[in-house]
Amino acid sequence: VIAVEQARANPNIATLCRLADALGVGVDSLIEAAGG
């Protein structure tokens, strides 16, 4: 988790799905580009 938040990790799809489920969102919400 620390490595992901510090942009030092390239997690696989299984880890992405676990993080998304734990946060109650879809994977697309995790990789959404910055914007206004």
ModelCIF file with pLDDT and N, C-alpha, C, O atoms, coordinates in Angstrom:
data_MODEL
#
_entry.id   MODEL 
#
_entity.id                         1 
_entity.type                       polymer 
_entity.pdbx_number_of_molecules   1 
#
_entity_poly.entity_id                      1 
_entity_poly.type                           'polypeptide(L)' 
_entity_poly.nstd_linkage                   no 
_entity_poly.nstd_monomer                   no 
_entity_poly.pdbx_seq_one_letter_code       VIAVEQARANPNIATLCRLADALGVGVDSLIEAAGG 
_entity_poly.pdbx_seq_one_letter_code_can   VIAVEQARANPNIATLCRLADALGVGVDSLIEAAGG 
_entity_poly.pdbx_strand_id                 A 
#
loop_
_entity_poly_seq.entity_id 
_entity_poly_seq.num 
_entity_poly_seq.mon_id 
_entity_poly_seq.hetero 
1 1  VAL n 
1 2  ILE n 
1 3  ALA n 
1 4  VAL n 
1 5  GLU n 
1 6  GLN n 
1 7  ALA n 
1 8  ARG n 
1 9  ALA n 
1 10 ASN n 
1 11 PRO n 
1 12 ASN n 
1 13 ILE n 
1 14 ALA n 
1 15 THR n 
1 16 LEU n 
1 17 CYS n 
1 18 ARG n 
1 19 LEU n 
1 20 ALA n 
1 21 ASP n 
1 22 ALA n 
1 23 LEU n 
1 24 GLY n 
1 25 VAL n 
1 26 GLY n 
1 27 VAL n 
1 28 ASP n 
1 29 SER n 
1 30 LEU n 
1 31 ILE n 
1 32 GLU n 
1 33 ALA n 
1 34 ALA n 
1 35 GLY n 
1 36 GLY n 
#
_struct_asym.id          A 
_struct_asym.entity_id   1 
#
loop_
_ma_qa_metric.id 
_ma_qa_metric.mode 
_ma_qa_metric.name 
_ma_qa_metric.software_group_id 
_ma_qa_metric.type 
1 global pLDDT . pLDDT 
2 local  pLDDT . pLDDT 
#
_ma_qa_metric_global.metric_id      1 
_ma_qa_metric_global.metric_value   86.92 
_ma_qa_metric_global.model_id       1 
_ma_qa_metric_global.ordinal_id     1 
#
loop_
_ma_qa_metric_local.label_asym_id 
_ma_qa_metric_local.label_comp_id 
_ma_qa_metric_local.label_seq_id 
_ma_qa_metric_local.metric_id 
_ma_qa_metric_local.metric_value 
_ma_qa_metric_local.model_id 
_ma_qa_metric_local.ordinal_id 
A VAL 1  2 95.00 1 1  
A ILE 2  2 95.00 1 2  
A ALA 3  2 94.00 1 3  
A VAL 4  2 94.00 1 4  
A GLU 5  2 95.00 1 5  
A GLN 6  2 94.00 1 6  
A ALA 7  2 92.00 1 7  
A ARG 8  2 92.00 1 8  
A ALA 9  2 87.00 1 9  
A ASN 10 2 83.00 1 10 
A PRO 11 2 88.00 1 11 
A ASN 12 2 88.00 1 12 
A ILE 13 2 84.00 1 13 
A ALA 14 2 88.00 1 14 
A THR 15 2 91.00 1 15 
A LEU 16 2 90.00 1 16 
A CYS 17 2 89.00 1 17 
A ARG 18 2 91.00 1 18 
A LEU 19 2 94.00 1 19 
A ALA 20 2 90.00 1 20 
A ASP 21 2 89.00 1 21 
A ALA 22 2 92.00 1 22 
A LEU 23 2 92.00 1 23 
A GLY 24 2 87.00 1 24 
A VAL 25 2 86.00 1 25 
A GLY 26 2 84.00 1 26 
A VAL 27 2 85.00 1 27 
A ASP 28 2 78.00 1 28 
A SER 29 2 83.00 1 29 
A LEU 30 2 88.00 1 30 
A ILE 31 2 84.00 1 31 
A GLU 32 2 81.00 1 32 
A ALA 33 2 79.00 1 33 
A ALA 34 2 72.00 1 34 
A GLY 35 2 67.00 1 35 
A GLY 36 2 68.00 1 36 
#
loop_
_atom_site.group_PDB 
_atom_site.id 
_atom_site.type_symbol 
_atom_site.label_atom_id 
_atom_site.label_alt_id 
_atom_site.label_comp_id 
_atom_site.label_asym_id 
_atom_site.label_entity_id 
_atom_site.label_seq_id 
_atom_site.pdbx_PDB_ins_code 
_atom_site.Cartn_x 
_atom_site.Cartn_y 
_atom_site.Cartn_z 
_atom_site.occupancy 
_atom_site.B_iso_or_equiv 
_atom_site.pdbx_formal_charge 
_atom_site.auth_seq_id 
_atom_site.auth_comp_id 
_atom_site.auth_asym_id 
_atom_site.auth_atom_id 
_atom_site.pdbx_PDB_model_num 
ATOM 1   N N  . VAL A 1 1  ? 0.835   -1.199 0.000   1.00 95.00 ? 1  VAL A N  1 
ATOM 2   C CA . VAL A 1 1  ? 0.000   0.000  0.000   1.00 95.00 ? 1  VAL A CA 1 
ATOM 3   C C  . VAL A 1 1  ? 0.873   1.252  0.000   1.00 95.00 ? 1  VAL A C  1 
ATOM 4   O O  . VAL A 1 1  ? 0.598   2.210  -0.723  1.00 95.00 ? 1  VAL A O  1 
ATOM 5   N N  . ILE A 1 2  ? 1.930   1.236  0.820   1.00 95.00 ? 2  ILE A N  1 
ATOM 6   C CA . ILE A 1 2  ? 2.826   2.394  0.884   1.00 95.00 ? 2  ILE A CA 1 
ATOM 7   C C  . ILE A 1 2  ? 3.483   2.629  -0.470  1.00 95.00 ? 2  ILE A C  1 
ATOM 8   O O  . ILE A 1 2  ? 3.560   3.761  -0.948  1.00 95.00 ? 2  ILE A O  1 
ATOM 9   N N  . ALA A 1 3  ? 3.948   1.563  -1.072  1.00 94.00 ? 3  ALA A N  1 
ATOM 10  C CA . ALA A 1 3  ? 4.616   1.688  -2.375  1.00 94.00 ? 3  ALA A CA 1 
ATOM 11  C C  . ALA A 1 3  ? 3.655   2.197  -3.441  1.00 94.00 ? 3  ALA A C  1 
ATOM 12  O O  . ALA A 1 3  ? 4.041   3.000  -4.291  1.00 94.00 ? 3  ALA A O  1 
ATOM 13  N N  . VAL A 1 4  ? 2.409   1.736  -3.404  1.00 94.00 ? 4  VAL A N  1 
ATOM 14  C CA . VAL A 1 4  ? 1.411   2.197  -4.375  1.00 94.00 ? 4  VAL A CA 1 
ATOM 15  C C  . VAL A 1 4  ? 1.149   3.680  -4.202  1.00 94.00 ? 4  VAL A C  1 
ATOM 16  O O  . VAL A 1 4  ? 1.132   4.429  -5.179  1.00 94.00 ? 4  VAL A O  1 
ATOM 17  N N  . GLU A 1 5  ? 0.946   4.110  -2.962  1.00 95.00 ? 5  GLU A N  1 
ATOM 18  C CA . GLU A 1 5  ? 0.638   5.521  -2.709  1.00 95.00 ? 5  GLU A CA 1 
ATOM 19  C C  . GLU A 1 5  ? 1.815   6.430  -3.053  1.00 95.00 ? 5  GLU A C  1 
ATOM 20  O O  . GLU A 1 5  ? 1.621   7.601  -3.380  1.00 95.00 ? 5  GLU A O  1 
ATOM 21  N N  . GLN A 1 6  ? 3.021   5.901  -2.981  1.00 94.00 ? 6  GLN A N  1 
ATOM 22  C CA . GLN A 1 6  ? 4.202   6.695  -3.311  1.00 94.00 ? 6  GLN A CA 1 
ATOM 23  C C  . GLN A 1 6  ? 4.611   6.545  -4.769  1.00 94.00 ? 6  GLN A C  1 
ATOM 24  O O  . GLN A 1 6  ? 5.675   7.006  -5.180  1.00 94.00 ? 6  GLN A O  1 
ATOM 25  N N  . ALA A 1 7  ? 3.737   5.884  -5.555  1.00 92.00 ? 7  ALA A N  1 
ATOM 26  C CA . ALA A 1 7  ? 3.974   5.702  -6.999  1.00 92.00 ? 7  ALA A CA 1 
ATOM 27  C C  . ALA A 1 7  ? 5.258   4.936  -7.271  1.00 92.00 ? 7  ALA A C  1 
ATOM 28  O O  . ALA A 1 7  ? 5.940   5.181  -8.266  1.00 92.00 ? 7  ALA A O  1 
ATOM 29  N N  . ARG A 1 8  ? 5.586   4.000  -6.371  1.00 92.00 ? 8  ARG A N  1 
ATOM 30  C CA . ARG A 1 8  ? 6.793   3.192  -6.545  1.00 92.00 ? 8  ARG A CA 1 
ATOM 31  C C  . ARG A 1 8  ? 6.459   1.756  -6.906  1.00 92.00 ? 8  ARG A C  1 
ATOM 32  O O  . ARG A 1 8  ? 7.350   0.908  -6.948  1.00 92.00 ? 8  ARG A O  1 
ATOM 33  N N  . ALA A 1 9  ? 5.182   1.467  -7.168  1.00 87.00 ? 9  ALA A N  1 
ATOM 34  C CA . ALA A 1 9  ? 4.778   0.089  -7.432  1.00 87.00 ? 9  ALA A CA 1 
ATOM 35  C C  . ALA A 1 9  ? 3.994   0.006  -8.732  1.00 87.00 ? 9  ALA A C  1 
ATOM 36  O O  . ALA A 1 9  ? 3.372   0.972  -9.174  1.00 87.00 ? 9  ALA A O  1 
ATOM 37  N N  . ASN A 1 10 ? 4.042   -1.162 -9.321  1.00 83.00 ? 10 ASN A N  1 
ATOM 38  C CA . ASN A 1 10 ? 3.271   -1.461 -10.526 1.00 83.00 ? 10 ASN A CA 1 
ATOM 39  C C  . ASN A 1 10 ? 2.462   -2.727 -10.244 1.00 83.00 ? 10 ASN A C  1 
ATOM 40  O O  . ASN A 1 10 ? 2.786   -3.798 -10.755 1.00 83.00 ? 10 ASN A O  1 
ATOM 41  N N  . PRO A 1 11 ? 1.402   -2.605 -9.426  1.00 88.00 ? 11 PRO A N  1 
ATOM 42  C CA . PRO A 1 11 ? 0.663   -3.797 -8.980  1.00 88.00 ? 11 PRO A CA 1 
ATOM 43  C C  . PRO A 1 11 ? -0.039  -4.514 -10.127 1.00 88.00 ? 11 PRO A C  1 
ATOM 44  O O  . PRO A 1 11 ? -0.434  -3.907 -11.123 1.00 88.00 ? 11 PRO A O  1 
ATOM 45  N N  . ASN A 1 12 ? -0.178  -5.830 -9.951  1.00 88.00 ? 12 ASN A N  1 
ATOM 46  C CA . ASN A 1 12 ? -0.898  -6.598 -10.970 1.00 88.00 ? 12 ASN A CA 1 
ATOM 47  C C  . ASN A 1 12 ? -2.398  -6.391 -10.817 1.00 88.00 ? 12 ASN A C  1 
ATOM 48  O O  . ASN A 1 12 ? -2.853  -5.746 -9.872  1.00 88.00 ? 12 ASN A O  1 
ATOM 49  N N  . ILE A 1 13 ? -3.158  -6.941 -11.748 1.00 84.00 ? 13 ILE A N  1 
ATOM 50  C CA . ILE A 1 13 ? -4.604  -6.707 -11.767 1.00 84.00 ? 13 ILE A CA 1 
ATOM 51  C C  . ILE A 1 13 ? -5.286  -7.284 -10.537 1.00 84.00 ? 13 ILE A C  1 
ATOM 52  O O  . ILE A 1 13 ? -6.283  -6.734 -10.070 1.00 84.00 ? 13 ILE A O  1 
ATOM 53  N N  . ALA A 1 14 ? -4.757  -8.398 -10.000 1.00 88.00 ? 14 ALA A N  1 
ATOM 54  C CA . ALA A 1 14 ? -5.360  -8.988 -8.801  1.00 88.00 ? 14 ALA A CA 1 
ATOM 55  C C  . ALA A 1 14 ? -5.243  -8.037 -7.616  1.00 88.00 ? 14 ALA A C  1 
ATOM 56  O O  . ALA A 1 14 ? -6.191  -7.877 -6.847  1.00 88.00 ? 14 ALA A O  1 
ATOM 57  N N  . THR A 1 15 ? -4.069  -7.399 -7.467  1.00 91.00 ? 15 THR A N  1 
ATOM 58  C CA . THR A 1 15 ? -3.880  -6.445 -6.370  1.00 91.00 ? 15 THR A CA 1 
ATOM 59  C C  . THR A 1 15 ? -4.751  -5.218 -6.568  1.00 91.00 ? 15 THR A C  1 
ATOM 60  O O  . THR A 1 15 ? -5.320  -4.700 -5.607  1.00 91.00 ? 15 THR A O  1 
ATOM 61  N N  . LEU A 1 16 ? -4.862  -4.745 -7.807  1.00 90.00 ? 16 LEU A N  1 
ATOM 62  C CA . LEU A 1 16 ? -5.728  -3.605 -8.095  1.00 90.00 ? 16 LEU A CA 1 
ATOM 63  C C  . LEU A 1 16 ? -7.176  -3.912 -7.706  1.00 90.00 ? 16 LEU A C  1 
ATOM 64  O O  . LEU A 1 16 ? -7.855  -3.077 -7.108  1.00 90.00 ? 16 LEU A O  1 
ATOM 65  N N  . CYS A 1 17 ? -7.633  -5.093 -8.042  1.00 89.00 ? 17 CYS A N  1 
ATOM 66  C CA . CYS A 1 17 ? -9.016  -5.479 -7.727  1.00 89.00 ? 17 CYS A CA 1 
ATOM 67  C C  . CYS A 1 17 ? -9.228  -5.556 -6.218  1.00 89.00 ? 17 CYS A C  1 
ATOM 68  O O  . CYS A 1 17 ? -10.281 -5.165 -5.715  1.00 89.00 ? 17 CYS A O  1 
ATOM 69  N N  . ARG A 1 18 ? -8.230  -6.061 -5.496  1.00 91.00 ? 18 ARG A N  1 
ATOM 70  C CA . ARG A 1 18 ? -8.347  -6.144 -4.034  1.00 91.00 ? 18 ARG A CA 1 
ATOM 71  C C  . ARG A 1 18 ? -8.403  -4.750 -3.417  1.00 91.00 ? 18 ARG A C  1 
ATOM 72  O O  . ARG A 1 18 ? -9.207  -4.500 -2.518  1.00 91.00 ? 18 ARG A O  1 
ATOM 73  N N  . LEU A 1 19 ? -7.556  -3.845 -3.893  1.00 94.00 ? 19 LEU A N  1 
ATOM 74  C CA . LEU A 1 19 ? -7.566  -2.476 -3.372  1.00 94.00 ? 19 LEU A CA 1 
ATOM 75  C C  . LEU A 1 19 ? -8.879  -1.781 -3.694  1.00 94.00 ? 19 LEU A C  1 
ATOM 76  O O  . LEU A 1 19 ? -9.451  -1.089 -2.852  1.00 94.00 ? 19 LEU A O  1 
ATOM 77  N N  . ALA A 1 20 ? -9.356  -1.973 -4.934  1.00 90.00 ? 20 ALA A N  1 
ATOM 78  C CA . ALA A 1 20 ? -10.615 -1.339 -5.327  1.00 90.00 ? 20 ALA A CA 1 
ATOM 79  C C  . ALA A 1 20 ? -11.771 -1.848 -4.478  1.00 90.00 ? 20 ALA A C  1 
ATOM 80  O O  . ALA A 1 20 ? -12.614 -1.067 -4.037  1.00 90.00 ? 20 ALA A O  1 
ATOM 81  N N  . ASP A 1 21 ? -11.809 -3.159 -4.250  1.00 89.00 ? 21 ASP A N  1 
ATOM 82  C CA . ASP A 1 21 ? -12.889 -3.734 -3.436  1.00 89.00 ? 21 ASP A CA 1 
ATOM 83  C C  . ASP A 1 21 ? -12.817 -3.229 -2.007  1.00 89.00 ? 21 ASP A C  1 
ATOM 84  O O  . ASP A 1 21 ? -13.844 -2.916 -1.404  1.00 89.00 ? 21 ASP A O  1 
ATOM 85  N N  . ALA A 1 22 ? -11.609 -3.147 -1.459  1.00 92.00 ? 22 ALA A N  1 
ATOM 86  C CA . ALA A 1 22 ? -11.449 -2.673 -0.085  1.00 92.00 ? 22 ALA A CA 1 
ATOM 87  C C  . ALA A 1 22 ? -11.857 -1.219 0.067   1.00 92.00 ? 22 ALA A C  1 
ATOM 88  O O  . ALA A 1 22 ? -12.299 -0.803 1.139   1.00 92.00 ? 22 ALA A O  1 
ATOM 89  N N  . LEU A 1 23 ? -11.712 -0.442 -1.002  1.00 92.00 ? 23 LEU A N  1 
ATOM 90  C CA . LEU A 1 23 ? -12.081 0.972  -0.968  1.00 92.00 ? 23 LEU A CA 1 
ATOM 91  C C  . LEU A 1 23 ? -13.506 1.217  -1.448  1.00 92.00 ? 23 LEU A C  1 
ATOM 92  O O  . LEU A 1 23 ? -13.994 2.346  -1.393  1.00 92.00 ? 23 LEU A O  1 
ATOM 93  N N  . GLY A 1 24 ? -14.175 0.167  -1.917  1.00 87.00 ? 24 GLY A N  1 
ATOM 94  C CA . GLY A 1 24 ? -15.570 0.287  -2.344  1.00 87.00 ? 24 GLY A CA 1 
ATOM 95  C C  . GLY A 1 24 ? -15.752 1.006  -3.663  1.00 87.00 ? 24 GLY A C  1 
ATOM 96  O O  . GLY A 1 24 ? -16.756 1.692  -3.856  1.00 87.00 ? 24 GLY A O  1 
ATOM 97  N N  . VAL A 1 25 ? -14.802 0.867  -4.581  1.00 86.00 ? 25 VAL A N  1 
ATOM 98  C CA . VAL A 1 25 ? -14.905 1.516  -5.888  1.00 86.00 ? 25 VAL A CA 1 
ATOM 99  C C  . VAL A 1 25 ? -14.519 0.526  -6.971  1.00 86.00 ? 25 VAL A C  1 
ATOM 100 O O  . VAL A 1 25 ? -14.095 -0.593 -6.684  1.00 86.00 ? 25 VAL A O  1 
ATOM 101 N N  . GLY A 1 26 ? -14.670 0.946  -8.213  1.00 84.00 ? 26 GLY A N  1 
ATOM 102 C CA . GLY A 1 26 ? -14.209 0.139  -9.331  1.00 84.00 ? 26 GLY A CA 1 
ATOM 103 C C  . GLY A 1 26 ? -12.750 0.416  -9.638  1.00 84.00 ? 26 GLY A C  1 
ATOM 104 O O  . GLY A 1 26 ? -12.201 1.432  -9.210  1.00 84.00 ? 26 GLY A O  1 
ATOM 105 N N  . VAL A 1 27 ? -12.124 -0.480 -10.376 1.00 85.00 ? 27 VAL A N  1 
ATOM 106 C CA . VAL A 1 27 ? -10.721 -0.302 -10.730 1.00 85.00 ? 27 VAL A CA 1 
ATOM 107 C C  . VAL A 1 27 ? -10.520 0.994  -11.509 1.00 85.00 ? 27 VAL A C  1 
ATOM 108 O O  . VAL A 1 27 ? -9.488  1.651  -11.366 1.00 85.00 ? 27 VAL A O  1 
ATOM 109 N N  . ASP A 1 28 ? -11.505 1.367  -12.336 1.00 78.00 ? 28 ASP A N  1 
ATOM 110 C CA . ASP A 1 28 ? -11.355 2.587  -13.127 1.00 78.00 ? 28 ASP A CA 1 
ATOM 111 C C  . ASP A 1 28 ? -11.188 3.817  -12.246 1.00 78.00 ? 28 ASP A C  1 
ATOM 112 O O  . ASP A 1 28 ? -10.529 4.780  -12.638 1.00 78.00 ? 28 ASP A O  1 
ATOM 113 N N  . SER A 1 29 ? -11.787 3.787  -11.050 1.00 83.00 ? 29 SER A N  1 
ATOM 114 C CA . SER A 1 29 ? -11.650 4.926  -10.132 1.00 83.00 ? 29 SER A CA 1 
ATOM 115 C C  . SER A 1 29 ? -10.234 5.019  -9.570  1.00 83.00 ? 29 SER A C  1 
ATOM 116 O O  . SER A 1 29 ? -9.790  6.098  -9.179  1.00 83.00 ? 29 SER A O  1 
ATOM 117 N N  . LEU A 1 30 ? -9.525  3.890  -9.530  1.00 88.00 ? 30 LEU A N  1 
ATOM 118 C CA . LEU A 1 30 ? -8.162  3.893  -9.010  1.00 88.00 ? 30 LEU A CA 1 
ATOM 119 C C  . LEU A 1 30 ? -7.168  4.448  -10.020 1.00 88.00 ? 30 LEU A C  1 
ATOM 120 O O  . LEU A 1 30 ? -6.157  5.036  -9.634  1.00 88.00 ? 30 LEU A O  1 
ATOM 121 N N  . ILE A 1 31 ? -7.441  4.269  -11.297 1.00 84.00 ? 31 ILE A N  1 
ATOM 122 C CA . ILE A 1 31 ? -6.474  4.680  -12.318 1.00 84.00 ? 31 ILE A CA 1 
ATOM 123 C C  . ILE A 1 31 ? -6.940  5.922  -13.070 1.00 84.00 ? 31 ILE A C  1 
ATOM 124 O O  . ILE A 1 31 ? -6.374  6.269  -14.106 1.00 84.00 ? 31 ILE A O  1 
ATOM 125 N N  . GLU A 1 32 ? -7.965  6.588  -12.555 1.00 81.00 ? 32 GLU A N  1 
ATOM 126 C CA . GLU A 1 32 ? -8.489  7.788  -13.194 1.00 81.00 ? 32 GLU A CA 1 
ATOM 127 C C  . GLU A 1 32 ? -7.418  8.875  -13.214 1.00 81.00 ? 32 GLU A C  1 
ATOM 128 O O  . GLU A 1 32 ? -6.764  9.139  -12.205 1.00 81.00 ? 32 GLU A O  1 
ATOM 129 N N  . ALA A 1 33 ? -7.249  9.499  -14.375 1.00 79.00 ? 33 ALA A N  1 
ATOM 130 C CA . ALA A 1 33 ? -6.238  10.539 -14.529 1.00 79.00 ? 33 ALA A CA 1 
ATOM 131 C C  . ALA A 1 33 ? -6.630  11.782 -13.751 1.00 79.00 ? 33 ALA A C  1 
ATOM 132 O O  . ALA A 1 33 ? -7.807  12.023 -13.482 1.00 79.00 ? 33 ALA A O  1 
ATOM 133 N N  . ALA A 1 34 ? -5.621  12.566 -13.394 1.00 72.00 ? 34 ALA A N  1 
ATOM 134 C CA . ALA A 1 34 ? -5.866  13.800 -12.662 1.00 72.00 ? 34 ALA A CA 1 
ATOM 135 C C  . ALA A 1 34 ? -6.624  14.790 -13.530 1.00 72.00 ? 34 ALA A C  1 
ATOM 136 O O  . ALA A 1 34 ? -6.487  14.788 -14.754 1.00 72.00 ? 34 ALA A O  1 
ATOM 137 N N  . GLY A 1 35 ? -7.409  15.621 -12.904 1.00 67.00 ? 35 GLY A N  1 
ATOM 138 C CA . GLY A 1 35 ? -8.176  16.622 -13.631 1.00 67.00 ? 35 GLY A CA 1 
ATOM 139 C C  . GLY A 1 35 ? -8.729  17.642 -12.659 1.00 67.00 ? 35 GLY A C  1 
ATOM 140 O O  . GLY A 1 35 ? -8.303  17.707 -11.506 1.00 67.00 ? 35 GLY A O  1 
ATOM 141 N N  . GLY A 1 36 ? -9.661  18.422 -13.116 1.00 68.00 ? 36 GLY A N  1 
ATOM 142 C CA . GLY A 1 36 ? -10.295 19.404 -12.259 1.00 68.00 ? 36 GLY A CA 1 
ATOM 143 C C  . GLY A 1 36 ? -11.273 18.731 -11.323 1.00 68.00 ? 36 GLY A C  1 
ATOM 144 O O  . GLY A 1 36 ? -11.914 19.401 -10.514 1.00 68.00 ? 36 GLY A O  1 
#
